[in-house]
Amino acid sequence: MEGAEKHVGHFAGSYVSTRRAFTSFEKLMGLLMGTEEITANPGGTLQFHDTRYVQVEPIVFRGIDCYLGVLVFCLALFLSALI
């Protein structure tokens, strides 16, 4: 996506997944696991674990190194980071 290099750094940081169990032993495991790190790479890509992601929409990134990997960010949080 054109211009991604300028603002991809806004998405870098520590995140907690919104996908988790709420009623089982897995809930405890999810709470203990903590946060995940997403870093910005030169060239306008993001890095999450071993996968690089390229921006395809304003808040959507698609995995370069895998078939189904997609990162979607909360628009409200992104806009508050820009203000």
Protein backbone atom coordinates (compact mmCIF):
# COMPACT_ATOMS: atom_id res chain seq x y z
CA MET A 1 0.00 0.00 0.00
CA GLU A 2 1.41 3.36 -0.98
CA GLY A 3 2.72 5.43 1.95
CA ALA A 4 2.86 2.50 4.38
CA GLU A 5 6.46 3.24 5.34
CA LYS A 6 5.42 6.59 6.80
CA HIS A 7 3.00 5.27 9.41
CA VAL A 8 3.68 1.55 9.86
CA GLY A 9 5.55 2.43 13.06
CA HIS A 10 2.26 3.51 14.66
CA PHE A 11 1.23 -0.15 14.71
CA ALA A 12 4.41 -1.40 16.43
CA GLY A 13 4.09 -2.20 20.12
CA SER A 14 2.80 -4.64 22.72
CA TYR A 15 -0.62 -6.21 22.19
CA VAL A 16 -3.01 -8.58 23.94
CA SER A 17 -5.03 -10.82 21.64
CA THR A 18 -8.80 -10.36 21.56
CA ARG A 19 -9.18 -14.07 20.76
CA ARG A 20 -9.21 -15.97 24.02
CA ALA A 21 -11.20 -18.36 26.16
CA PHE A 22 -13.41 -16.82 28.84
CA THR A 23 -14.86 -19.78 30.74
CA SER A 24 -12.28 -22.55 31.02
CA PHE A 25 -8.79 -23.43 32.18
CA GLU A 26 -7.59 -21.89 28.90
CA LYS A 27 -8.65 -18.50 30.30
CA LEU A 28 -6.01 -18.76 33.01
CA MET A 29 -3.37 -19.75 30.47
CA GLY A 30 -4.29 -16.77 28.30
CA LEU A 31 -3.94 -14.37 31.21
CA LEU A 32 -0.54 -15.78 32.14
CA MET A 33 0.82 -15.52 28.60
CA GLY A 34 0.80 -11.72 28.67
CA THR A 35 1.43 -9.56 25.63
CA GLU A 36 2.79 -10.11 22.15
CA GLU A 37 5.26 -7.79 20.42
CA ILE A 38 4.80 -6.40 16.92
CA THR A 39 7.75 -4.53 15.43
CA ALA A 40 8.11 -2.26 12.40
CA ASN A 41 10.64 -3.25 9.74
CA PRO A 42 12.34 -1.08 7.14
CA GLY A 43 10.34 -1.09 3.93
CA GLY A 44 6.94 -0.63 5.58
CA THR A 45 6.32 -4.15 6.92
CA LEU A 46 5.42 -5.40 10.39
CA GLN A 47 6.98 -8.41 12.12
CA PHE A 48 4.97 -10.73 14.38
CA HIS A 49 6.79 -13.88 15.47
CA ASP A 50 8.39 -15.31 12.30
CA THR A 51 5.99 -13.68 9.85
CA ARG A 52 6.29 -10.37 8.03
CA TYR A 53 3.08 -8.48 7.20
CA VAL A 54 2.42 -5.91 4.48
CA GLN A 55 -0.36 -3.33 4.66
CA VAL A 56 -3.25 -4.04 2.27
CA GLU A 57 -5.89 -1.70 3.76
CA PRO A 58 -5.61 1.22 6.23
CA ILE A 59 -5.74 -1.05 9.34
CA VAL A 60 -5.27 -4.49 7.73
CA PHE A 61 -1.96 -6.30 7.18
CA ARG A 62 -1.54 -9.58 5.23
CA GLY A 63 1.20 -12.10 5.92
CA ILE A 64 3.98 -12.21 3.32
CA ASP A 65 5.51 -15.46 4.59
CA CYS A 66 2.27 -17.43 5.06
CA TYR A 67 -1.04 -18.05 3.30
CA LEU A 68 -3.67 -17.11 5.87
CA GLY A 69 -1.97 -14.69 8.23
CA VAL A 70 -3.85 -11.41 8.71
CA LEU A 71 -3.48 -8.70 11.34
CA VAL A 72 -6.38 -6.27 11.88
CA PHE A 73 -6.06 -3.35 14.28
CA CYS A 74 -8.73 -1.44 16.19
CA LEU A 75 -9.35 1.80 14.29
CA ALA A 76 -10.20 3.80 17.42
CA LEU A 77 -6.82 2.99 18.98
CA PHE A 78 -4.96 3.81 15.78
CA LEU A 79 -6.68 7.20 15.45
CA SER A 80 -5.95 8.08 19.09
CA ALA A 81 -2.26 7.29 18.49
CA LEU A 82 -2.17 9.77 15.59
CA ILE A 83 -3.70 12.66 17.60
